[in-house]
Amino acid sequence: MIKKILISICICIFKLITTSAMAQTNQQIQIIDISKGKVIKNVQKNSDIQQEVEKFLEGITGVYVKLNPYPNNGFVIKIPLEPNVMVKNQWFNDFVDEVMIIFPGQEHPYLMVFDNENQPYFLTFQGDTSKFLGLLNFKP
C-alpha cells in the first residue's frame, strides 16, 4: 500500500515538472512575418515586456473598423500573458491570456485579443511601440 502511494506521489511530481516545463516554453513571444506566413523570431518573455503590453491594454481607444482586420503584409507579435490581465472598458470585458499586436505595413498597430469564448476582438490603442520593439530587440 505504501509503495502505491509513493508511486502515485512520484507520478504527480513528474506531471508537475513536465507541466511547468511546457508552461515555460509557452512563455516565448513569437514575431511572425505576415507575408512569409512564418515565425521569424522567438523572444523569451519577461516582466518588462509584460508591463508594456499591459500599458497597451490599458490604452485601448476603440474597435478596429476595417473590413479585413488581418493585413497582407507587416508582422504580428504574439505575446502570452502570465498572469492573465483583466481588461475592462466599453469595448472589451474579460481576462486576456494572450495578445497579438498587428503591425500592418504603413498603418498604426492594433491589438487582437480573445474573450473566454474564443471570439477575436480587434482593438485600437494608444502607446509607444518603439520601447516595446526595443525590448524585443526587433527592428521591422
N, C-alpha and C. Protein backbone atom coordinates (compact mmCIF):
# COMPACT_ATOMS: atom_id res chain seq x y z
N MET A 1 0.82 -1.20 0.00
CA MET A 1 0.00 0.00 0.00
C MET A 1 0.87 1.26 0.00
N ILE A 2 1.89 1.28 0.84
CA ILE A 2 2.78 2.44 0.92
C ILE A 2 3.50 2.62 -0.42
N LYS A 3 3.86 1.49 -1.05
CA LYS A 3 4.55 1.55 -2.34
C LYS A 3 3.65 2.23 -3.38
N LYS A 4 2.36 1.89 -3.41
CA LYS A 4 1.42 2.51 -4.36
C LYS A 4 1.28 4.01 -4.10
N ILE A 5 1.27 4.39 -2.84
CA ILE A 5 1.17 5.81 -2.50
C ILE A 5 2.41 6.54 -2.97
N LEU A 6 3.60 5.96 -2.74
CA LEU A 6 4.84 6.59 -3.18
C LEU A 6 4.89 6.72 -4.70
N ILE A 7 4.44 5.69 -5.41
CA ILE A 7 4.41 5.74 -6.87
C ILE A 7 3.45 6.84 -7.34
N SER A 8 2.30 6.94 -6.70
CA SER A 8 1.34 8.00 -7.05
C SER A 8 1.92 9.38 -6.82
N ILE A 9 2.63 9.55 -5.71
CA ILE A 9 3.27 10.84 -5.42
C ILE A 9 4.32 11.16 -6.47
N CYS A 10 5.13 10.16 -6.84
CA CYS A 10 6.16 10.37 -7.87
C CYS A 10 5.53 10.76 -9.21
N ILE A 11 4.45 10.11 -9.57
CA ILE A 11 3.76 10.43 -10.82
C ILE A 11 3.23 11.87 -10.77
N CYS A 12 2.66 12.27 -9.66
CA CYS A 12 2.15 13.64 -9.52
C CYS A 12 3.29 14.65 -9.63
N ILE A 13 4.41 14.37 -8.99
CA ILE A 13 5.56 15.28 -9.07
C ILE A 13 6.05 15.37 -10.51
N PHE A 14 6.14 14.23 -11.19
CA PHE A 14 6.58 14.22 -12.59
C PHE A 14 5.65 15.07 -13.45
N LYS A 15 4.34 14.92 -13.25
CA LYS A 15 3.38 15.70 -14.02
C LYS A 15 3.55 17.19 -13.76
N LEU A 16 3.79 17.56 -12.52
CA LEU A 16 4.01 18.97 -12.19
C LEU A 16 5.25 19.51 -12.88
N ILE A 17 6.31 18.72 -12.88
CA ILE A 17 7.56 19.16 -13.52
C ILE A 17 7.37 19.31 -15.01
N THR A 18 6.74 18.34 -15.67
CA THR A 18 6.57 18.42 -17.13
C THR A 18 5.59 19.52 -17.49
N THR A 19 4.57 19.72 -16.69
CA THR A 19 3.64 20.81 -16.96
C THR A 19 4.35 22.15 -16.83
N SER A 20 5.20 22.27 -15.83
CA SER A 20 5.96 23.51 -15.65
C SER A 20 6.90 23.73 -16.82
N ALA A 21 7.54 22.69 -17.31
CA ALA A 21 8.44 22.82 -18.46
C ALA A 21 7.67 23.24 -19.70
N MET A 22 6.49 22.68 -19.89
CA MET A 22 5.68 23.07 -21.04
C MET A 22 5.23 24.51 -20.90
N ALA A 23 4.88 24.93 -19.70
CA ALA A 23 4.46 26.32 -19.49
C ALA A 23 5.62 27.25 -19.78
N GLN A 24 6.84 26.86 -19.43
CA GLN A 24 8.00 27.69 -19.71
C GLN A 24 8.16 27.91 -21.21
N THR A 25 7.95 26.86 -22.03
CA THR A 25 8.11 27.02 -23.47
C THR A 25 7.01 27.88 -24.04
N ASN A 26 5.86 27.92 -23.39
CA ASN A 26 4.77 28.76 -23.87
C ASN A 26 5.01 30.23 -23.56
N GLN A 27 6.07 30.54 -22.82
CA GLN A 27 6.37 31.92 -22.49
C GLN A 27 7.16 32.62 -23.60
N GLN A 28 7.33 31.94 -24.70
CA GLN A 28 8.04 32.52 -25.82
C GLN A 28 7.12 33.49 -26.57
N ILE A 29 7.67 34.64 -26.88
CA ILE A 29 6.98 35.60 -27.74
C ILE A 29 7.37 35.25 -29.16
N GLN A 30 6.40 35.24 -30.04
CA GLN A 30 6.67 34.93 -31.44
C GLN A 30 6.46 36.17 -32.29
N ILE A 31 7.43 36.45 -33.16
CA ILE A 31 7.29 37.51 -34.14
C ILE A 31 7.08 36.83 -35.48
N ILE A 32 5.96 37.14 -36.11
CA ILE A 32 5.54 36.44 -37.33
C ILE A 32 5.52 37.42 -38.49
N ASP A 33 6.19 37.06 -39.57
CA ASP A 33 6.14 37.84 -40.81
C ASP A 33 4.87 37.42 -41.54
N ILE A 34 3.96 38.36 -41.75
CA ILE A 34 2.67 38.03 -42.34
C ILE A 34 2.81 37.55 -43.78
N SER A 35 3.61 38.22 -44.59
CA SER A 35 3.73 37.84 -45.99
C SER A 35 4.40 36.48 -46.16
N LYS A 36 5.34 36.15 -45.28
CA LYS A 36 6.01 34.84 -45.34
C LYS A 36 5.18 33.76 -44.64
N GLY A 37 4.30 34.19 -43.75
CA GLY A 37 3.47 33.24 -43.03
C GLY A 37 4.24 32.36 -42.08
N LYS A 38 5.34 32.90 -41.49
CA LYS A 38 6.11 32.07 -40.57
C LYS A 38 6.73 32.92 -39.48
N VAL A 39 7.11 32.23 -38.40
CA VAL A 39 7.77 32.87 -37.27
C VAL A 39 9.19 33.22 -37.69
N ILE A 40 9.55 34.49 -37.50
CA ILE A 40 10.90 34.92 -37.87
C ILE A 40 11.80 35.13 -36.65
N LYS A 41 11.18 35.18 -35.45
CA LYS A 41 11.99 35.36 -34.25
C LYS A 41 11.19 34.92 -33.04
N ASN A 42 11.86 34.28 -32.10
CA ASN A 42 11.29 33.95 -30.79
C ASN A 42 12.06 34.72 -29.74
N VAL A 43 11.32 35.24 -28.76
CA VAL A 43 11.93 36.02 -27.68
C VAL A 43 11.36 35.52 -26.36
N GLN A 44 12.22 35.35 -25.37
CA GLN A 44 11.75 34.95 -24.04
C GLN A 44 11.03 36.11 -23.39
N LYS A 45 9.85 35.86 -22.87
CA LYS A 45 9.06 36.91 -22.24
C LYS A 45 9.66 37.25 -20.88
N ASN A 46 9.56 38.53 -20.51
CA ASN A 46 10.00 38.96 -19.18
C ASN A 46 9.00 39.98 -18.64
N SER A 47 9.22 40.42 -17.41
CA SER A 47 8.25 41.32 -16.76
C SER A 47 8.19 42.69 -17.43
N ASP A 48 9.31 43.19 -17.98
CA ASP A 48 9.29 44.48 -18.68
C ASP A 48 8.38 44.43 -19.90
N ILE A 49 8.46 43.34 -20.63
CA ILE A 49 7.61 43.18 -21.82
C ILE A 49 6.15 43.08 -21.39
N GLN A 50 5.88 42.29 -20.36
CA GLN A 50 4.51 42.16 -19.86
C GLN A 50 3.96 43.53 -19.46
N GLN A 51 4.76 44.35 -18.79
CA GLN A 51 4.30 45.68 -18.36
C GLN A 51 3.96 46.56 -19.56
N GLU A 52 4.77 46.50 -20.60
CA GLU A 52 4.49 47.30 -21.79
C GLU A 52 3.18 46.86 -22.44
N VAL A 53 2.96 45.57 -22.53
CA VAL A 53 1.72 45.06 -23.12
C VAL A 53 0.53 45.46 -22.27
N GLU A 54 0.68 45.42 -20.96
CA GLU A 54 -0.42 45.85 -20.07
C GLU A 54 -0.75 47.32 -20.29
N LYS A 55 0.27 48.15 -20.56
CA LYS A 55 0.02 49.56 -20.87
C LYS A 55 -0.80 49.69 -22.16
N PHE A 56 -0.48 48.87 -23.15
CA PHE A 56 -1.25 48.90 -24.40
C PHE A 56 -2.70 48.51 -24.13
N LEU A 57 -2.91 47.49 -23.30
CA LEU A 57 -4.28 47.07 -22.98
C LEU A 57 -5.03 48.16 -22.21
N GLU A 58 -4.34 48.87 -21.35
CA GLU A 58 -4.97 49.99 -20.62
C GLU A 58 -5.27 51.15 -21.56
N GLY A 59 -4.52 51.24 -22.66
CA GLY A 59 -4.68 52.35 -23.59
C GLY A 59 -5.60 52.07 -24.76
N ILE A 60 -6.45 51.05 -24.63
CA ILE A 60 -7.40 50.73 -25.71
C ILE A 60 -8.32 51.93 -25.94
N THR A 61 -8.45 52.32 -27.22
CA THR A 61 -9.23 53.51 -27.57
C THR A 61 -10.47 53.21 -28.40
N GLY A 62 -10.60 51.99 -28.88
CA GLY A 62 -11.77 51.68 -29.69
C GLY A 62 -11.61 50.36 -30.43
N VAL A 63 -12.56 50.13 -31.33
CA VAL A 63 -12.57 48.92 -32.15
C VAL A 63 -11.93 49.24 -33.49
N TYR A 64 -11.09 48.34 -33.98
CA TYR A 64 -10.50 48.48 -35.30
C TYR A 64 -11.60 48.17 -36.31
N VAL A 65 -11.90 49.12 -37.21
CA VAL A 65 -13.13 49.02 -38.00
C VAL A 65 -12.95 48.61 -39.46
N LYS A 66 -11.75 48.29 -39.90
CA LYS A 66 -11.58 47.90 -41.30
C LYS A 66 -12.26 46.56 -41.55
N LEU A 67 -12.73 46.38 -42.79
CA LEU A 67 -13.45 45.17 -43.15
C LEU A 67 -12.61 43.92 -42.95
N ASN A 68 -11.37 43.95 -43.43
CA ASN A 68 -10.47 42.81 -43.24
C ASN A 68 -9.39 43.21 -42.24
N PRO A 69 -9.51 42.78 -40.99
CA PRO A 69 -8.57 43.24 -39.97
C PRO A 69 -7.19 42.58 -40.06
N TYR A 70 -7.05 41.54 -40.85
CA TYR A 70 -5.75 40.87 -40.95
C TYR A 70 -5.08 41.29 -42.25
N PRO A 71 -3.99 42.05 -42.18
CA PRO A 71 -3.36 42.60 -43.39
C PRO A 71 -2.60 41.55 -44.20
N ASN A 72 -2.19 41.93 -45.42
CA ASN A 72 -1.43 41.04 -46.29
C ASN A 72 0.07 41.13 -46.03
N ASN A 73 0.51 42.22 -45.41
CA ASN A 73 1.93 42.35 -45.11
C ASN A 73 2.11 43.00 -43.75
N GLY A 74 3.36 43.06 -43.32
CA GLY A 74 3.66 43.56 -41.98
C GLY A 74 4.05 42.39 -41.09
N PHE A 75 3.85 42.56 -39.80
CA PHE A 75 4.18 41.48 -38.88
C PHE A 75 3.24 41.48 -37.68
N VAL A 76 3.20 40.35 -37.02
CA VAL A 76 2.37 40.16 -35.82
C VAL A 76 3.29 39.69 -34.70
N ILE A 77 3.08 40.25 -33.53
CA ILE A 77 3.82 39.80 -32.36
C ILE A 77 2.81 39.17 -31.40
N LYS A 78 3.04 37.89 -31.13
CA LYS A 78 2.15 37.10 -30.28
C LYS A 78 2.78 36.99 -28.89
N ILE A 79 2.09 37.57 -27.88
CA ILE A 79 2.64 37.65 -26.53
C ILE A 79 1.73 36.91 -25.54
N PRO A 80 2.25 35.84 -24.92
CA PRO A 80 1.48 35.20 -23.85
C PRO A 80 1.58 36.05 -22.59
N LEU A 81 0.51 36.12 -21.83
CA LEU A 81 0.50 36.91 -20.60
C LEU A 81 0.38 35.98 -19.39
N GLU A 82 1.29 36.15 -18.45
CA GLU A 82 1.26 35.37 -17.23
C GLU A 82 1.67 36.28 -16.09
N PRO A 83 0.82 36.64 -15.19
CA PRO A 83 -0.57 36.20 -15.08
C PRO A 83 -1.47 36.87 -16.11
N ASN A 84 -2.66 36.30 -16.26
CA ASN A 84 -3.66 36.90 -17.15
C ASN A 84 -3.96 38.32 -16.69
N VAL A 85 -4.45 39.12 -17.63
CA VAL A 85 -4.75 40.51 -17.33
C VAL A 85 -6.24 40.76 -17.56
N MET A 86 -6.88 41.39 -16.59
CA MET A 86 -8.29 41.76 -16.75
C MET A 86 -8.35 43.06 -17.53
N VAL A 87 -9.10 43.03 -18.63
CA VAL A 87 -9.31 44.23 -19.45
C VAL A 87 -10.79 44.55 -19.36
N LYS A 88 -11.07 45.75 -18.88
CA LYS A 88 -12.47 46.15 -18.71
C LYS A 88 -12.63 47.57 -19.22
N ASN A 89 -13.33 47.69 -20.35
CA ASN A 89 -13.65 49.00 -20.91
C ASN A 89 -14.93 48.85 -21.72
N GLN A 90 -15.32 49.86 -22.45
CA GLN A 90 -16.60 49.78 -23.16
C GLN A 90 -16.56 48.85 -24.37
N TRP A 91 -15.36 48.41 -24.79
CA TRP A 91 -15.23 47.56 -25.97
C TRP A 91 -14.92 46.11 -25.65
N PHE A 92 -14.38 45.87 -24.45
CA PHE A 92 -13.95 44.52 -24.09
C PHE A 92 -13.99 44.38 -22.57
N ASN A 93 -14.47 43.24 -22.09
CA ASN A 93 -14.57 43.00 -20.66
C ASN A 93 -14.32 41.52 -20.38
N ASP A 94 -13.04 41.18 -20.18
CA ASP A 94 -12.70 39.78 -19.95
C ASP A 94 -11.23 39.69 -19.55
N PHE A 95 -10.82 38.50 -19.13
CA PHE A 95 -9.41 38.25 -18.88
C PHE A 95 -8.72 37.94 -20.19
N VAL A 96 -7.47 38.39 -20.31
CA VAL A 96 -6.69 38.16 -21.52
C VAL A 96 -5.45 37.36 -21.13
N ASP A 97 -5.23 36.24 -21.82
CA ASP A 97 -4.03 35.44 -21.55
C ASP A 97 -3.03 35.48 -22.70
N GLU A 98 -3.42 36.16 -23.77
CA GLU A 98 -2.53 36.30 -24.92
C GLU A 98 -2.96 37.52 -25.74
N VAL A 99 -1.97 38.27 -26.20
CA VAL A 99 -2.23 39.44 -27.02
C VAL A 99 -1.45 39.29 -28.31
N MET A 100 -2.08 39.66 -29.40
CA MET A 100 -1.36 39.74 -30.66
C MET A 100 -1.38 41.21 -31.08
N ILE A 101 -0.19 41.75 -31.30
CA ILE A 101 -0.09 43.12 -31.77
C ILE A 101 0.19 43.04 -33.26
N ILE A 102 -0.70 43.61 -34.04
CA ILE A 102 -0.59 43.56 -35.50
C ILE A 102 0.02 44.87 -35.98
N PHE A 103 1.13 44.75 -36.69
CA PHE A 103 1.81 45.90 -37.27
C PHE A 103 1.64 45.82 -38.78
N PRO A 104 0.56 46.42 -39.31
CA PRO A 104 0.37 46.40 -40.77
C PRO A 104 1.38 47.33 -41.44
N GLY A 105 1.60 47.14 -42.72
CA GLY A 105 2.59 47.92 -43.45
C GLY A 105 2.76 49.37 -43.04
N GLN A 106 1.85 50.24 -43.43
CA GLN A 106 2.01 51.68 -43.20
C GLN A 106 1.00 52.25 -42.20
N GLU A 107 0.25 51.41 -41.54
CA GLU A 107 -0.76 51.87 -40.59
C GLU A 107 -0.26 51.75 -39.15
N HIS A 108 -1.02 52.35 -38.25
CA HIS A 108 -0.72 52.21 -36.82
C HIS A 108 -1.02 50.78 -36.39
N PRO A 109 -0.25 50.25 -35.45
CA PRO A 109 -0.53 48.90 -34.97
C PRO A 109 -1.83 48.85 -34.18
N TYR A 110 -2.39 47.66 -34.08
CA TYR A 110 -3.60 47.43 -33.29
C TYR A 110 -3.52 46.06 -32.65
N LEU A 111 -4.42 45.80 -31.72
CA LEU A 111 -4.39 44.58 -30.92
C LEU A 111 -5.44 43.58 -31.37
N MET A 112 -5.11 42.30 -31.20
CA MET A 112 -6.11 41.25 -31.33
C MET A 112 -6.08 40.47 -30.02
N VAL A 113 -7.23 40.38 -29.37
CA VAL A 113 -7.37 39.61 -28.14
C VAL A 113 -8.59 38.70 -28.30
N PHE A 114 -8.66 37.69 -27.44
CA PHE A 114 -9.78 36.75 -27.48
C PHE A 114 -10.50 36.77 -26.15
N ASP A 115 -11.83 36.65 -26.21
CA ASP A 115 -12.60 36.56 -24.97
C ASP A 115 -12.63 35.10 -24.52
N ASN A 116 -13.37 34.83 -23.44
CA ASN A 116 -13.39 33.47 -22.90
C ASN A 116 -14.13 32.47 -23.79
N GLU A 117 -14.81 32.96 -24.80
CA GLU A 117 -15.47 32.08 -25.77
C GLU A 117 -14.68 31.99 -27.07
N ASN A 118 -13.43 32.46 -27.02
CA ASN A 118 -12.51 32.43 -28.16
C ASN A 118 -12.94 33.30 -29.34
N GLN A 119 -13.71 34.33 -29.07
CA GLN A 119 -14.08 35.29 -30.10
C GLN A 119 -12.99 36.35 -30.20
N PRO A 120 -12.50 36.62 -31.42
CA PRO A 120 -11.45 37.63 -31.56
C PRO A 120 -12.02 39.05 -31.50
N TYR A 121 -11.24 39.94 -30.93
CA TYR A 121 -11.55 41.37 -30.89
C TYR A 121 -10.33 42.11 -31.43
N PHE A 122 -10.57 43.02 -32.36
CA PHE A 122 -9.51 43.85 -32.93
C PHE A 122 -9.70 45.25 -32.37
N LEU A 123 -8.70 45.74 -31.66
CA LEU A 123 -8.85 46.98 -30.90
C LEU A 123 -7.69 47.94 -31.18
N THR A 124 -8.03 49.21 -31.28
CA THR A 124 -7.00 50.24 -31.42
C THR A 124 -6.53 50.62 -30.03
N PHE A 125 -5.32 51.18 -29.97
CA PHE A 125 -4.77 51.57 -28.67
C PHE A 125 -3.80 52.72 -28.83
N GLN A 126 -3.60 53.43 -27.71
CA GLN A 126 -2.59 54.47 -27.66
C GLN A 126 -1.38 53.88 -26.95
N GLY A 127 -0.21 54.26 -27.42
CA GLY A 127 1.00 53.78 -26.77
C GLY A 127 2.16 53.82 -27.73
N ASP A 128 3.32 53.94 -27.17
CA ASP A 128 4.54 54.00 -27.97
C ASP A 128 5.10 52.59 -28.11
N THR A 129 5.05 52.05 -29.31
CA THR A 129 5.52 50.69 -29.53
C THR A 129 7.04 50.62 -29.73
N SER A 130 7.71 51.75 -29.87
CA SER A 130 9.16 51.71 -30.11
C SER A 130 9.91 51.13 -28.90
N LYS A 131 9.52 51.48 -27.68
CA LYS A 131 10.15 50.90 -26.50
C LYS A 131 9.91 49.40 -26.46
N PHE A 132 8.69 48.99 -26.76
CA PHE A 132 8.32 47.58 -26.78
C PHE A 132 9.18 46.81 -27.80
N LEU A 133 9.31 47.35 -29.00
CA LEU A 133 10.13 46.70 -30.03
C LEU A 133 11.59 46.65 -29.60
N GLY A 134 12.05 47.68 -28.90
CA GLY A 134 13.41 47.68 -28.37
C GLY A 134 13.63 46.57 -27.35
N LEU A 135 12.63 46.33 -26.48
CA LEU A 135 12.74 45.26 -25.50
C LEU A 135 12.83 43.90 -26.20
N LEU A 136 12.22 43.79 -27.37
CA LEU A 136 12.28 42.55 -28.14
C LEU A 136 13.54 42.47 -29.00
N ASN A 137 14.28 43.57 -29.03
CA ASN A 137 15.46 43.67 -29.91
C ASN A 137 15.07 43.34 -31.36
N PHE A 138 13.99 44.02 -31.80
CA PHE A 138 13.45 43.78 -33.14
C PHE A 138 13.25 45.12 -33.85
N LYS A 139 13.78 45.18 -35.05
CA LYS A 139 13.58 46.36 -35.90
C LYS A 139 12.90 45.91 -37.17
N PRO A 140 11.70 46.41 -37.42
CA PRO A 140 10.98 46.00 -38.64
C PRO A 140 11.66 46.46 -39.93
